[in-house]
Amino acid sequence: MSTQDKETAFKVTAKQGRKVVAEYIFANMLDAITFEVGMKKEGYNTKMEAIYV
């Protein structure tokens, strides 16, 4: 299967130091951004990436 046949999802990872405290996959970019912003406000380091599912 090529990436053209797959849907794009958004994975958000939140860490405290090296420890992963949350990792979620969202179908909607707005939901992923909302979650990421909330985790940043709580003081976690975050990373969002687009993935194909």
Protein backbone atom coordinates (compact mmCIF):
# COMPACT_ATOMS: atom_id res chain seq x y z
CA MET A 1 0.00 0.00 0.00
CA SER A 2 1.36 3.41 -0.90
CA THR A 3 0.86 6.54 1.19
CA GLN A 4 -1.74 7.68 -1.36
CA ASP A 5 -4.02 4.87 -0.19
CA LYS A 6 -3.72 5.74 3.49
CA GLU A 7 -5.33 8.35 5.72
CA THR A 8 -3.28 11.02 7.47
CA ALA A 9 -3.41 11.04 11.26
CA PHE A 10 -1.58 13.17 13.81
CA LYS A 11 0.45 11.69 16.65
CA VAL A 12 1.17 13.82 19.69
CA THR A 13 3.76 12.72 22.22
CA ALA A 14 4.21 14.48 25.57
CA LYS A 15 7.29 13.90 27.70
CA GLN A 16 8.56 14.90 31.10
CA GLY A 17 12.31 14.61 30.72
CA ARG A 18 12.86 11.28 28.97
CA LYS A 19 9.64 9.72 30.26
CA VAL A 20 6.68 9.57 27.85
CA VAL A 21 3.61 10.62 29.82
CA ALA A 22 1.11 10.64 26.94
CA GLU A 23 0.99 9.53 23.32
CA TYR A 24 -2.21 9.88 21.32
CA ILE A 25 -3.20 9.60 17.67
CA PHE A 26 -5.87 11.95 16.33
CA ALA A 27 -7.74 11.85 13.02
CA ASN A 28 -8.29 15.60 13.15
CA MET A 29 -5.43 18.12 13.20
CA LEU A 30 -7.38 20.65 15.29
CA ASP A 31 -7.95 18.06 18.03
CA ALA A 32 -4.24 17.18 17.99
CA ILE A 33 -3.21 20.83 18.26
CA THR A 34 -5.68 21.44 21.10
CA PHE A 35 -4.27 18.47 23.02
CA GLU A 36 -0.67 19.53 22.34
CA VAL A 37 -1.29 23.10 23.53
CA GLY A 38 -2.92 21.78 26.71
CA MET A 39 0.05 19.53 27.44
CA LYS A 40 2.49 22.40 26.82
CA LYS A 41 0.54 24.55 29.30
CA GLU A 42 0.98 21.74 31.85
CA GLY A 43 4.75 22.02 31.35
CA TYR A 44 5.42 18.94 29.20
CA ASN A 45 7.67 18.80 26.15
CA THR A 46 5.55 17.88 23.14
CA LYS A 47 6.01 16.70 19.59
CA MET A 48 3.37 16.38 16.89
CA GLU A 49 3.91 14.45 13.68
CA ALA A 50 1.78 13.44 10.72
CA ILE A 51 1.57 9.68 10.20
CA TYR A 52 -0.20 7.45 7.69
CA VAL A 53 -2.66 4.85 8.92
